């Protein structure tokens, strides 16, 4: 079994962006040591965890600051971790639409990743969110070909749609979603939204899309059809600046690792990882063996290392693995009896 590690041990938060966030918080009068900022982050987290949409988010200064201080950095790291996938499909002639662009999370991530594209349309209804986006761009000296719109235009057939935590605000999948040539979708890693995204995956296949990531196949999703509870999600480890970590110590939640569900699909690009497996689970230790969930088909399977071989591996979640055709299979376990190369 050959393992191609695409994931890293830890993703570092970009220092210039953190410094910019700090300057923005000062303009709000809510620095990192502010008790009001801490309480606003906790309040906003409660709303997000309850699967509700806080319509007044951008109308209240303390919630703007809370989002910028805590949720924007985490969402930025999630996008940055998809560098390989994004660079494989976003090209110099790409016409991109960022639906629900908010403070410009994708816009800033694309600059950090040095993604080349022709146009970027940011669809955002709230002028305060747009103002914050523009303020971050100016502070970071980012010059991008951006056009802001308050609603989606009709013709998106040759465009790439970016949906980062915006589709979950819609009660149903809009029919215009299937107009896009390519789709990049990030959703919260919850059972509800994760399984909803897996259901959308089937709709995309029906509408002639090829799933590019995280899936390496176009077959029905095993987690959706063979389980009533599981959902597919990625986990990455992050390393944040010390002032941010000091601030987080005051909160009831911590994020040394981040989870999220994502889906990338296209009508024109083809899956270059077809035939490989994607590790989709954390290491599980059981009596006499170690296991990790892997996805390569419509079957639910696990890589399995027997204790007697003393060769158990901890593979980074999201890694691609090439499995030998003659690998021993026992029930739903793929027995790895040799050392990993």
C-alpha atoms as a PDB file:
ATOM      1  CA  UNK A   1       0.000   0.000   0.000  1.00  0.00           C
ATOM      2  CA  UNK A   2       1.434   3.366  -1.017  1.00  0.00           C
ATOM      3  CA  UNK A   3       0.361   6.481   0.832  1.00  0.00           C
ATOM      4  CA  UNK A   4       0.341   9.921  -0.725  1.00  0.00           C
ATOM      5  CA  UNK A   5       0.167  12.460   2.109  1.00  0.00           C
ATOM      6  CA  UNK A   6      -1.731  15.543   1.038  1.00  0.00           C
ATOM      7  CA  UNK A   7      -2.563  16.695   4.551  1.00  0.00           C
ATOM      8  CA  UNK A   8      -0.073  18.475   6.792  1.00  0.00           C
ATOM      9  CA  UNK A   9       0.630  18.014  10.500  1.00  0.00           C
ATOM     10  CA  UNK A  10      -0.569  21.553  11.222  1.00  0.00           C
ATOM     11  CA  UNK A  11      -1.604  24.528   9.119  1.00  0.00           C
ATOM     12  CA  UNK A  12      -0.106  27.843  10.276  1.00  0.00           C
ATOM     13  CA  UNK A  13      -2.334  30.895  10.410  1.00  0.00           C
ATOM     14  CA  UNK A  14      -0.849  33.683   8.219  1.00  0.00           C
ATOM     15  CA  UNK A  15       0.652  36.348  10.478  1.00  0.00           C
ATOM     16  CA  UNK A  16      -0.176  39.364   8.215  1.00  0.00           C
ATOM     17  CA  UNK A  17      -3.871  38.463   8.311  1.00  0.00           C
ATOM     18  CA  UNK A  18      -3.807  38.130  12.088  1.00  0.00           C
ATOM     19  CA  UNK A  19      -2.171  41.542  12.406  1.00  0.00           C
ATOM     20  CA  UNK A  20      -4.851  42.994  10.142  1.00  0.00           C
ATOM     21  CA  UNK A  21      -7.612  41.417  12.249  1.00  0.00           C
ATOM     22  CA  UNK A  22      -6.054  42.941  15.366  1.00  0.00           C
ATOM     23  CA  UNK A  23      -6.047  46.389  13.777  1.00  0.00           C
ATOM     24  CA  UNK A  24      -9.689  45.982  12.723  1.00  0.00           C
ATOM     25  CA  UNK A  25     -10.706  44.969  16.250  1.00  0.00           C
ATOM     26  CA  UNK A  26      -9.092  48.128  17.587  1.00  0.00           C
ATOM     27  CA  UNK A  27     -11.265  50.218  15.237  1.00  0.00           C
ATOM     28  CA  UNK A  28     -14.313  48.523  16.768  1.00  0.00           C
ATOM     29  CA  UNK A  29     -13.033  49.355  20.250  1.00  0.00           C
ATOM     30  CA  UNK A  30     -13.032  45.626  21.050  1.00  0.00           C
ATOM     31  CA  UNK A  31      -9.423  44.449  21.477  1.00  0.00           C
ATOM     32  CA  UNK A  32      -8.466  40.845  22.249  1.00  0.00           C
ATOM     33  CA  UNK A  33      -8.690  41.373  26.023  1.00  0.00           C
ATOM     34  CA  UNK A  34     -12.209  42.793  25.812  1.00  0.00           C
ATOM     35  CA  UNK A  35     -14.822  40.988  27.927  1.00  0.00           C
ATOM     36  CA  UNK A  36     -17.516  42.185  25.518  1.00  0.00           C
ATOM     37  CA  UNK A  37     -15.692  40.518  22.620  1.00  0.00           C
ATOM     38  CA  UNK A  38     -15.488  37.244  24.538  1.00  0.00           C
ATOM     39  CA  UNK A  39     -19.214  37.292  25.374  1.00  0.00           C
ATOM     40  CA  UNK A  40     -20.113  38.136  21.768  1.00  0.00           C
ATOM     41  CA  UNK A  41     -18.100  35.166  20.459  1.00  0.00           C
ATOM     42  CA  UNK A  42     -19.855  32.825  22.913  1.00  0.00           C
ATOM     43  CA  UNK A  43     -23.270  34.191  21.949  1.00  0.00           C
ATOM     44  CA  UNK A  44     -22.543  33.852  18.237  1.00  0.00           C
ATOM     45  CA  UNK A  45     -21.230  30.317  18.713  1.00  0.00           C
ATOM     46  CA  UNK A  46     -24.466  29.337  20.465  1.00  0.00           C
ATOM     47  CA  UNK A  47     -26.496  30.595  17.511  1.00  0.00           C
ATOM     48  CA  UNK A  48     -24.352  28.717  14.997  1.00  0.00           C
ATOM     49  CA  UNK A  49     -24.529  25.493  17.037  1.00  0.00           C
ATOM     50  CA  UNK A  50     -28.301  25.744  17.163  1.00  0.00           C
ATOM     51  CA  UNK A  51     -28.441  25.727  13.342  1.00  0.00           C
ATOM     52  CA  UNK A  52     -30.024  29.166  13.289  1.00  0.00           C
ATOM     53  CA  UNK A  53     -29.205  32.192  11.174  1.00  0.00           C
ATOM     54  CA  UNK A  54     -28.494  35.399  13.042  1.00  0.00           C
ATOM     55  CA  UNK A  55     -29.932  37.907  10.600  1.00  0.00           C
ATOM     56  CA  UNK A  56     -28.609  40.861  12.623  1.00  0.00           C
ATOM     57  CA  UNK A  57     -24.988  39.632  12.567  1.00  0.00           C
ATOM     58  CA  UNK A  58     -23.650  42.441  10.393  1.00  0.00           C
ATOM     59  CA  UNK A  59     -25.887  45.108  11.993  1.00  0.00           C
ATOM     60  CA  UNK A  60     -24.317  44.824  15.444  1.00  0.00           C
ATOM     61  CA  UNK A  61     -20.749  46.019  15.987  1.00  0.00           C
ATOM     62  CA  UNK A  62     -19.915  43.446  18.647  1.00  0.00           C
ATOM     63  CA  UNK A  63     -21.057  40.542  16.462  1.00  0.00           C
ATOM     64  CA  UNK A  64     -19.092  41.858  13.507  1.00  0.00           C
ATOM     65  CA  UNK A  65     -16.020  41.933  15.724  1.00  0.00           C
ATOM     66  CA  UNK A  66     -16.772  38.475  17.149  1.00  0.00           C
ATOM     67  CA  UNK A  67     -17.071  36.960  13.689  1.00  0.00           C
ATOM     68  CA  UNK A  68     -13.879  38.648  12.536  1.00  0.00           C
ATOM     69  CA  UNK A  69     -11.925  37.596  15.638  1.00  0.00           C
ATOM     70  CA  UNK A  70     -12.963  33.966  15.895  1.00  0.00           C
ATOM     71  CA  UNK A  71     -15.012  32.512  13.054  1.00  0.00           C
ATOM     72  CA  UNK A  72     -13.349  34.268  10.132  1.00  0.00           C
ATOM     73  CA  UNK A  73      -9.871  32.862  11.027  1.00  0.00           C
ATOM     74  CA  UNK A  74     -11.232  29.326  11.374  1.00  0.00           C
ATOM     75  CA  UNK A  75     -13.123  29.483   8.094  1.00  0.00           C
ATOM     76  CA  UNK A  76     -10.067  30.957   6.387  1.00  0.00           C
ATOM     77  CA  UNK A  77      -7.965  27.996   7.581  1.00  0.00           C
ATOM     78  CA  UNK A  78     -10.522  25.539   6.245  1.00  0.00           C
ATOM     79  CA  UNK A  79     -10.307  27.063   2.780  1.00  0.00           C
ATOM     80  CA  UNK A  80      -6.505  27.287   2.876  1.00  0.00           C
ATOM     81  CA  UNK A  81      -6.293  23.561   3.662  1.00  0.00           C
ATOM     82  CA  UNK A  82      -7.889  22.820   0.258  1.00  0.00           C
ATOM     83  CA  UNK A  83      -4.973  24.396  -1.608  1.00  0.00           C
ATOM     84  CA  UNK A  84      -4.258  21.375  -3.833  1.00  0.00           C
ATOM     85  CA  UNK A  85      -7.899  20.920  -4.803  1.00  0.00           C
ATOM     86  CA  UNK A  86      -8.467  24.616  -5.519  1.00  0.00           C
ATOM     87  CA  UNK A  87      -5.322  25.021  -7.603  1.00  0.00           C
ATOM     88  CA  UNK A  88      -6.288  22.046  -9.745  1.00  0.00           C
ATOM     89  CA  UNK A  89      -9.559  23.634 -10.927  1.00  0.00           C
ATOM     90  CA  UNK A  90      -9.257  27.432 -10.551  1.00  0.00           C
ATOM     91  CA  UNK A  91      -7.317  28.774 -13.520  1.00  0.00           C
ATOM     92  CA  UNK A  92      -6.489  32.088 -15.182  1.00  0.00           C
ATOM     93  CA  UNK A  93      -9.677  32.022 -17.254  1.00  0.00           C
ATOM     94  CA  UNK A  94     -11.937  31.107 -14.322  1.00  0.00           C
ATOM     95  CA  UNK A  95     -15.002  33.260 -13.765  1.00  0.00           C
ATOM     96  CA  UNK A  96     -15.834  32.864 -10.060  1.00  0.00           C
ATOM     97  CA  UNK A  97     -18.990  33.676  -8.110  1.00  0.00           C
ATOM     98  CA  UNK A  98     -18.708  33.742  -4.312  1.00  0.00           C
ATOM     99  CA  UNK A  99     -22.277  33.394  -3.025  1.00  0.00           C
ATOM    100  CA  UNK A 100     -22.718  34.956   0.415  1.00  0.00           C
ATOM    101  CA  UNK A 101     -19.178  36.300   0.428  1.00  0.00           C
ATOM    102  CA  UNK A 102     -19.476  37.981   3.846  1.00  0.00           C
ATOM    103  CA  UNK A 103     -16.166  39.584   4.913  1.00  0.00           C
ATOM    104  CA  UNK A 104     -14.344  38.027   1.954  1.00  0.00           C
ATOM    105  CA  UNK A 105     -13.031  34.782   3.390  1.00  0.00           C
ATOM    106  CA  UNK A 106     -12.575  33.131  -0.006  1.00  0.00           C
ATOM    107  CA  UNK A 107     -11.286  36.340  -1.569  1.00  0.00           C
ATOM    108  CA  UNK A 108      -8.477  36.641   0.980  1.00  0.00           C
ATOM    109  CA  UNK A 109      -7.750  32.901   0.900  1.00  0.00           C
ATOM    110  CA  UNK A 110      -7.411  33.016  -2.888  1.00  0.00           C
ATOM    111  CA  UNK A 111      -4.837  35.806  -2.560  1.00  0.00           C
ATOM    112  CA  UNK A 112      -2.844  33.862   0.035  1.00  0.00           C
ATOM    113  CA  UNK A 113      -2.910  30.763  -2.197  1.00  0.00           C
ATOM    114  CA  UNK A 114      -1.908  32.851  -5.221  1.00  0.00           C
ATOM    115  CA  UNK A 115      -4.858  31.585  -7.235  1.00  0.00           C
ATOM    116  CA  UNK A 116      -5.067  33.098 -10.702  1.00  0.00           C
ATOM    117  CA  UNK A 117      -8.533  33.831 -12.100  1.00  0.00           C
ATOM    118  CA  UNK A 118     -10.242  36.194 -14.540  1.00  0.00           C
ATOM    119  CA  UNK A 119     -13.128  37.562 -12.477  1.00  0.00           C
ATOM    120  CA  UNK A 120     -14.488  37.302  -8.952  1.00  0.00           C
ATOM    121  CA  UNK A 121     -18.092  38.310  -8.279  1.00  0.00           C
ATOM    122  CA  UNK A 122     -18.948  38.573  -4.598  1.00  0.00           C
ATOM    123  CA  UNK A 123     -22.677  38.193  -3.969  1.00  0.00           C
ATOM    124  CA  UNK A 124     -23.503  39.798  -0.624  1.00  0.00           C
ATOM    125  CA  UNK A 125     -26.660  41.598   0.485  1.00  0.00           C
ATOM    126  CA  UNK A 126     -25.255  43.345   3.556  1.00  0.00           C
ATOM    127  CA  UNK A 127     -23.307  46.530   2.955  1.00  0.00           C
ATOM    128  CA  UNK A 128     -21.545  46.300   6.325  1.00  0.00           C
ATOM    129  CA  UNK A 129     -20.120  42.889   5.413  1.00  0.00           C
ATOM    130  CA  UNK A 130     -18.932  44.343   2.104  1.00  0.00           C
ATOM    131  CA  UNK A 131     -17.386  47.293   3.937  1.00  0.00           C
ATOM    132  CA  UNK A 132     -15.448  44.935   6.218  1.00  0.00           C
ATOM    133  CA  UNK A 133     -14.306  42.894   3.201  1.00  0.00           C
ATOM    134  CA  UNK A 134     -13.053  46.053   1.500  1.00  0.00           C
ATOM    135  CA  UNK A 135     -11.361  47.217   4.692  1.00  0.00           C
ATOM    136  CA  UNK A 136      -9.447  43.936   4.990  1.00  0.00           C
ATOM    137  CA  UNK A 137      -8.398  44.099   1.341  1.00  0.00           C
ATOM    138  CA  UNK A 138      -7.123  47.646   1.758  1.00  0.00           C
ATOM    139  CA  UNK A 139      -5.301  46.884   4.985  1.00  0.00           C
ATOM    140  CA  UNK A 140      -3.602  43.851   3.428  1.00  0.00           C
ATOM    141  CA  UNK A 141      -2.825  45.707   0.181  1.00  0.00           C
ATOM    142  CA  UNK A 142      -4.751  43.135  -1.852  1.00  0.00           C
ATOM    143  CA  UNK A 143      -5.819  44.178  -5.336  1.00  0.00           C
ATOM    144  CA  UNK A 144      -8.278  41.762  -6.942  1.00  0.00           C
ATOM    145  CA  UNK A 145     -10.686  41.971  -9.917  1.00  0.00           C
ATOM    146  CA  UNK A 146     -13.798  41.987  -7.698  1.00  0.00           C
ATOM    147  CA  UNK A 147     -17.325  42.958  -8.593  1.00  0.00           C
ATOM    148  CA  UNK A 148     -19.932  43.138  -5.817  1.00  0.00           C
ATOM    149  CA  UNK A 149     -23.558  42.200  -6.453  1.00  0.00           C
ATOM    150  CA  UNK A 150     -26.517  42.001  -4.071  1.00  0.00           C
ATOM    151  CA  UNK A 151     -28.105  39.135  -5.976  1.00  0.00           C
ATOM    152  CA  UNK A 152     -27.131  36.275  -8.243  1.00  0.00           C
ATOM    153  CA  UNK A 153     -27.174  36.957 -11.970  1.00  0.00           C
ATOM    154  CA  UNK A 154     -29.006  34.632 -14.354  1.00  0.00           C
ATOM    155  CA  UNK A 155     -26.143  33.306 -16.491  1.00  0.00           C
ATOM    156  CA  UNK A 156     -23.715  31.106 -14.551  1.00  0.00           C
ATOM    157  CA  UNK A 157     -23.277  28.223 -16.987  1.00  0.00           C
ATOM    158  CA  UNK A 158     -19.525  28.744 -17.468  1.00  0.00           C
ATOM    159  CA  UNK A 159     -18.727  29.903 -13.962  1.00  0.00           C
ATOM    160  CA  UNK A 160     -17.327  28.405 -10.772  1.00  0.00           C
ATOM    161  CA  UNK A 161     -19.611  28.783  -7.774  1.00  0.00           C
ATOM    162  CA  UNK A 162     -18.109  29.172  -4.292  1.00  0.00           C
ATOM    163  CA  UNK A 163     -20.414  28.397  -1.387  1.00  0.00           C
ATOM    164  CA  UNK A 164     -18.695  28.629   1.985  1.00  0.00           C
ATOM    165  CA  UNK A 165     -21.245  28.274   4.769  1.00  0.00           C
ATOM    166  CA  UNK A 166     -23.949  29.892   2.648  1.00  0.00           C
ATOM    167  CA  UNK A 167     -25.980  27.006   1.232  1.00  0.00           C
ATOM    168  CA  UNK A 168     -26.920  26.008   4.787  1.00  0.00           C
ATOM    169  CA  UNK A 169     -28.850  29.264   5.067  1.00  0.00           C
ATOM    170  CA  UNK A 170     -31.205  28.101   2.304  1.00  0.00           C
ATOM    171  CA  UNK A 171     -34.017  25.742   3.269  1.00  0.00           C
ATOM    172  CA  UNK A 172     -33.890  23.849  -0.022  1.00  0.00           C
ATOM    173  CA  UNK A 173     -31.343  23.318  -2.772  1.00  0.00           C
ATOM    174  CA  UNK A 174     -32.057  26.072  -5.328  1.00  0.00           C
ATOM    175  CA  UNK A 175     -32.446  24.881  -8.938  1.00  0.00           C
ATOM    176  CA  UNK A 176     -30.019  27.567 -10.152  1.00  0.00           C
ATOM    177  CA  UNK A 177     -27.202  25.796  -8.285  1.00  0.00           C
ATOM    178  CA  UNK A 178     -26.981  23.280 -11.124  1.00  0.00           C
ATOM    179  CA  UNK A 179     -26.289  26.026 -13.658  1.00  0.00           C
ATOM    180  CA  UNK A 180     -22.702  26.405 -12.469  1.00  0.00           C
ATOM    181  CA  UNK A 181     -19.980  24.650 -14.413  1.00  0.00           C
ATOM    182  CA  UNK A 182     -18.003  23.879 -11.253  1.00  0.00           C
ATOM    183  CA  UNK A 183     -19.024  23.956  -7.590  1.00  0.00           C
ATOM    184  CA  UNK A 184     -16.927  24.323  -4.439  1.00  0.00           C
ATOM    185  CA  UNK A 185     -19.034  23.869  -1.309  1.00  0.00           C
ATOM    186  CA  UNK A 186     -18.005  24.005   2.360  1.00  0.00           C
ATOM    187  CA  UNK A 187     -20.490  23.251   5.121  1.00  0.00           C
ATOM    188  CA  UNK A 188     -20.361  22.909   8.918  1.00  0.00           C
ATOM    189  CA  UNK A 189     -19.248  19.491  10.124  1.00  0.00           C
ATOM    190  CA  UNK A 190     -22.479  18.524  11.816  1.00  0.00           C
ATOM    191  CA  UNK A 191     -24.520  15.416  11.270  1.00  0.00           C
ATOM    192  CA  UNK A 192     -27.388  17.407   9.785  1.00  0.00           C
ATOM    193  CA  UNK A 193     -25.415  19.537   7.324  1.00  0.00           C
ATOM    194  CA  UNK A 194     -22.911  16.781   6.547  1.00  0.00           C
ATOM    195  CA  UNK A 195     -25.581  14.291   5.528  1.00  0.00           C
ATOM    196  CA  UNK A 196     -27.469  16.996   3.672  1.00  0.00           C
ATOM    197  CA  UNK A 197     -24.316  17.600   1.631  1.00  0.00           C
ATOM    198  CA  UNK A 198     -24.021  13.865   0.927  1.00  0.00           C
ATOM    199  CA  UNK A 199     -27.590  13.927  -0.392  1.00  0.00           C
ATOM    200  CA  UNK A 200     -26.705  16.921  -2.587  1.00  0.00           C
ATOM    201  CA  UNK A 201     -23.797  14.864  -3.952  1.00  0.00           C
ATOM    202  CA  UNK A 202     -26.293  12.408  -5.462  1.00  0.00           C
ATOM    203  CA  UNK A 203     -28.259  15.263  -7.026  1.00  0.00           C
ATOM    204  CA  UNK A 204     -25.083  16.626  -8.573  1.00  0.00           C
ATOM    205  CA  UNK A 205     -24.238  13.265 -10.131  1.00  0.00           C
ATOM    206  CA  UNK A 206     -27.764  13.103 -11.546  1.00  0.00           C
ATOM    207  CA  UNK A 207     -27.164  16.547 -13.065  1.00  0.00           C
ATOM    208  CA  UNK A 208     -24.028  15.380 -14.950  1.00  0.00           C
ATOM    209  CA  UNK A 209     -21.421  16.596 -12.466  1.00  0.00           C
ATOM    210  CA  UNK A 210     -18.318  14.588 -11.692  1.00  0.00           C
ATOM    211  CA  UNK A 211     -17.374  14.614  -8.027  1.00  0.00           C
ATOM    212  CA  UNK A 212     -13.737  15.696  -7.691  1.00  0.00           C
ATOM    213  CA  UNK A 213     -13.206  15.760  -3.921  1.00  0.00           C
ATOM    214  CA  UNK A 214     -13.205  14.431  -1.337  1.00  0.00           C
ATOM    215  CA  UNK A 215     -14.616  11.419  -3.195  1.00  0.00           C
ATOM    216  CA  UNK A 216     -12.439   9.386  -5.535  1.00  0.00           C
ATOM    217  CA  UNK A 217     -15.464   7.671  -7.130  1.00  0.00           C
ATOM    218  CA  UNK A 218     -18.914   8.446  -8.533  1.00  0.00           C
ATOM    219  CA  UNK A 219     -20.772   5.604  -6.785  1.00  0.00           C
ATOM    220  CA  UNK A 220     -23.412   6.066  -4.058  1.00  0.00           C
ATOM    221  CA  UNK A 221     -22.032   7.271  -0.726  1.00  0.00           C
ATOM    222  CA  UNK A 222     -21.529   4.390   1.715  1.00  0.00           C
ATOM    223  CA  UNK A 223     -21.800   6.623   4.777  1.00  0.00           C
ATOM    224  CA  UNK A 224     -25.172   7.887   3.608  1.00  0.00           C
ATOM    225  CA  UNK A 225     -26.660   4.538   2.601  1.00  0.00           C
ATOM    226  CA  UNK A 226     -25.062   2.126   5.065  1.00  0.00           C
ATOM    227  CA  UNK A 227     -25.452   4.285   8.151  1.00  0.00           C
ATOM    228  CA  UNK A 228     -28.180   6.514   9.552  1.00  0.00           C
ATOM    229  CA  UNK A 229     -25.794   8.607  11.646  1.00  0.00           C
ATOM    230  CA  UNK A 230     -22.375   8.955   9.999  1.00  0.00           C
ATOM    231  CA  UNK A 231     -21.370  11.840   7.779  1.00  0.00           C
ATOM    232  CA  UNK A 232     -18.274  12.542   5.728  1.00  0.00           C
ATOM    233  CA  UNK A 233     -16.026  15.302   7.060  1.00  0.00           C
ATOM    234  CA  UNK A 234     -12.433  16.437   7.025  1.00  0.00           C
ATOM    235  CA  UNK A 235     -10.247  17.266  10.027  1.00  0.00           C
ATOM    236  CA  UNK A 236      -7.190  19.488   9.931  1.00  0.00           C
ATOM    237  CA  UNK A 237      -4.805  20.550  12.695  1.00  0.00           C
ATOM    238  CA  UNK A 238      -4.051  24.242  13.054  1.00  0.00           C
ATOM    239  CA  UNK A 239      -1.458  26.419  14.759  1.00  0.00           C
ATOM    240  CA  UNK A 240      -2.772  29.841  15.740  1.00  0.00           C
ATOM    241  CA  UNK A 241      -0.915  32.964  16.957  1.00  0.00           C
ATOM    242  CA  UNK A 242      -0.368  33.217  20.721  1.00  0.00           C
ATOM    243  CA  UNK A 243      -2.713  36.212  21.297  1.00  0.00           C
ATOM    244  CA  UNK A 244      -5.496  34.238  19.622  1.00  0.00           C
ATOM    245  CA  UNK A 245      -4.756  31.192  21.808  1.00  0.00           C
ATOM    246  CA  UNK A 246      -4.715  33.393  24.919  1.00  0.00           C
ATOM    247  CA  UNK A 247      -8.118  34.762  23.902  1.00  0.00           C
ATOM    248  CA  UNK A 248      -9.467  31.257  23.275  1.00  0.00           C
ATOM    249  CA  UNK A 249      -8.498  30.194  26.793  1.00  0.00           C
ATOM    250  CA  UNK A 250     -11.278  32.498  28.034  1.00  0.00           C
ATOM    251  CA  UNK A 251     -13.855  30.684  25.884  1.00  0.00           C
ATOM    252  CA  UNK A 252     -15.735  27.463  26.685  1.00  0.00           C
ATOM    253  CA  UNK A 253     -14.601  25.933  23.357  1.00  0.00           C
ATOM    254  CA  UNK A 254     -11.201  25.225  21.841  1.00  0.00           C
ATOM    255  CA  UNK A 255     -10.123  24.510  18.279  1.00  0.00           C
ATOM    256  CA  UNK A 256      -6.723  22.880  17.990  1.00  0.00           C
ATOM    257  CA  UNK A 257      -8.169  20.959  15.079  1.00  0.00           C
ATOM    258  CA  UNK A 258     -10.933  21.945  12.674  1.00  0.00           C
ATOM    259  CA  UNK A 259     -13.590  19.832  11.041  1.00  0.00           C
ATOM    260  CA  UNK A 260     -15.708  20.655   8.029  1.00  0.00           C
ATOM    261  CA  UNK A 261     -17.647  18.954   5.259  1.00  0.00           C
ATOM    262  CA  UNK A 262     -16.865  19.864   1.684  1.00  0.00           C
ATOM    263  CA  UNK A 263     -17.686  18.885  -1.856  1.00  0.00           C
ATOM    264  CA  UNK A 264     -16.085  19.847  -5.168  1.00  0.00           C
ATOM    265  CA  UNK A 265     -17.858  18.912  -8.390  1.00  0.00           C
ATOM    266  CA  UNK A 266     -17.588  19.873 -12.041  1.00  0.00           C
ATOM    267  CA  UNK A 267     -19.155  19.336 -15.445  1.00  0.00           C
ATOM    268  CA  UNK A 268     -15.840  19.864 -17.249  1.00  0.00           C
ATOM    269  CA  UNK A 269     -13.036  18.674 -14.944  1.00  0.00           C
ATOM    270  CA  UNK A 270     -12.345  14.997 -14.337  1.00  0.00           C
ATOM    271  CA  UNK A 271     -11.361  13.288 -11.102  1.00  0.00           C
ATOM    272  CA  UNK A 272      -7.602  12.712 -11.273  1.00  0.00           C
ATOM    273  CA  UNK A 273      -7.721  10.562  -8.143  1.00  0.00           C
ATOM    274  CA  UNK A 274     -10.056   7.895  -9.492  1.00  0.00           C
ATOM    275  CA  UNK A 275      -8.968   4.471  -8.287  1.00  0.00           C
ATOM    276  CA  UNK A 276      -7.361   5.772  -5.101  1.00  0.00           C
ATOM    277  CA  UNK A 277      -8.789   5.683  -1.603  1.00  0.00           C
ATOM    278  CA  UNK A 278      -9.352   8.662   0.690  1.00  0.00           C
ATOM    279  CA  UNK A 279      -8.816   8.257   4.438  1.00  0.00           C
ATOM    280  CA  UNK A 280     -11.986   9.667   6.002  1.00  0.00           C
ATOM    281  CA  UNK A 281     -11.634   8.660   9.643  1.00  0.00           C
ATOM    282  CA  UNK A 282      -9.413   9.118  12.667  1.00  0.00           C
ATOM    283  CA  UNK A 283      -7.378   6.250  14.100  1.00  0.00           C
ATOM    284  CA  UNK A 284      -9.422   3.733  16.086  1.00  0.00           C
ATOM    285  CA  UNK A 285      -7.736   1.320  18.456  1.00  0.00           C
ATOM    286  CA  UNK A 286      -9.529  -1.963  19.046  1.00  0.00           C
ATOM    287  CA  UNK A 287      -8.539  -5.219  20.661  1.00  0.00           C
ATOM    288  CA  UNK A 288      -5.775  -6.741  18.560  1.00  0.00           C
ATOM    289  CA  UNK A 289      -5.834  -4.129  15.793  1.00  0.00           C
ATOM    290  CA  UNK A 290      -5.871  -0.505  14.680  1.00  0.00           C
ATOM    291  CA  UNK A 291      -8.369   0.800  12.113  1.00  0.00           C
ATOM    292  CA  UNK A 292      -9.026   3.843   9.954  1.00  0.00           C
ATOM    293  CA  UNK A 293     -12.013   4.432   7.707  1.00  0.00           C
ATOM    294  CA  UNK A 294     -11.189   4.707   4.012  1.00  0.00           C
ATOM    295  CA  UNK A 295     -13.444   5.520   1.065  1.00  0.00           C
ATOM    296  CA  UNK A 296     -12.891   4.218  -2.468  1.00  0.00           C
ATOM    297  CA  UNK A 297     -16.321   2.893  -3.537  1.00  0.00           C
ATOM    298  CA  UNK A 298     -19.894   2.447  -2.364  1.00  0.00           C
ATOM    299  CA  UNK A 299     -18.696   0.010   0.316  1.00  0.00           C
ATOM    300  CA  UNK A 300     -17.884   1.058   3.861  1.00  0.00           C
ATOM    301  CA  UNK A 301     -14.280  -0.071   4.440  1.00  0.00           C
ATOM    302  CA  UNK A 302     -11.487   0.264   6.986  1.00  0.00           C
ATOM    303  CA  UNK A 303      -7.736  -0.020   6.728  1.00  0.00           C
ATOM    304  CA  UNK A 304      -6.754  -2.508   9.420  1.00  0.00           C
ATOM    305  CA  UNK A 305      -3.370  -3.181  11.027  1.00  0.00           C
ATOM    306  CA  UNK A 306      -3.179  -6.276  13.201  1.00  0.00           C
ATOM    307  CA  UNK A 307      -1.310  -5.802  16.456  1.00  0.00           C
ATOM    308  CA  UNK A 308       0.881  -8.859  15.847  1.00  0.00           C
ATOM    309  CA  UNK A 309       2.628  -7.145  12.924  1.00  0.00           C
ATOM    310  CA  UNK A 310       3.584  -4.106  15.065  1.00  0.00           C
ATOM    311  CA  UNK A 311       3.190  -1.820  12.079  1.00  0.00           C
ATOM    312  CA  UNK A 312       0.124   0.281  12.940  1.00  0.00           C
ATOM    313  CA  UNK A 313       0.026   3.626  11.142  1.00  0.00           C
ATOM    314  CA  UNK A 314      -1.650   6.929  11.906  1.00  0.00           C
ATOM    315  CA  UNK A 315      -2.558   8.359   8.510  1.00  0.00           C
ATOM    316  CA  UNK A 316      -3.525  12.016   8.291  1.00  0.00           C
ATOM    317  CA  UNK A 317      -7.220  12.365   7.653  1.00  0.00           C
ATOM    318  CA  UNK A 318      -7.854  13.377   4.056  1.00  0.00           C
ATOM    319  CA  UNK A 319      -4.776  11.582   2.719  1.00  0.00           C
ATOM    320  CA  UNK A 320      -4.997   9.650  -0.522  1.00  0.00           C
ATOM    321  CA  UNK A 321      -3.888   6.024  -0.477  1.00  0.00           C
ATOM    322  CA  UNK A 322      -3.131   3.626  -3.304  1.00  0.00           C
ATOM    323  CA  UNK A 323      -4.283   0.132  -2.380  1.00  0.00           C
ATOM    324  CA  UNK A 324      -2.743  -2.938  -3.954  1.00  0.00           C
ATOM    325  CA  UNK A 325      -5.234  -5.016  -5.904  1.00  0.00           C
ATOM    326  CA  UNK A 326      -4.323  -8.132  -3.946  1.00  0.00           C
ATOM    327  CA  UNK A 327      -4.789  -6.635  -0.483  1.00  0.00           C
ATOM    328  CA  UNK A 328      -6.424  -9.085   1.919  1.00  0.00           C
ATOM    329  CA  UNK A 329     -10.012  -8.226   2.800  1.00  0.00           C
ATOM    330  CA  UNK A 330     -11.837  -9.615   5.831  1.00  0.00           C
ATOM    331  CA  UNK A 331     -15.442  -8.463   6.063  1.00  0.00           C
ATOM    332  CA  UNK A 332     -15.135  -4.670   5.739  1.00  0.00           C
ATOM    333  CA  UNK A 333     -11.449  -4.573   6.743  1.00  0.00           C
ATOM    334  CA  UNK A 334      -8.522  -4.174   4.367  1.00  0.00           C
ATOM    335  CA  UNK A 335      -5.720  -5.981   6.184  1.00  0.00           C
ATOM    336  CA  UNK A 336      -2.382  -4.193   5.888  1.00  0.00           C
ATOM    337  CA  UNK A 337       0.214  -6.815   6.765  1.00  0.00           C
ATOM    338  CA  UNK A 338       3.333  -5.030   5.496  1.00  0.00           C
ATOM    339  CA  UNK A 339       4.955  -1.744   6.491  1.00  0.00           C
ATOM    340  CA  UNK A 340       3.591   1.322   4.792  1.00  0.00           C
ATOM    341  CA  UNK A 341       5.909   2.785   2.153  1.00  0.00           C
END
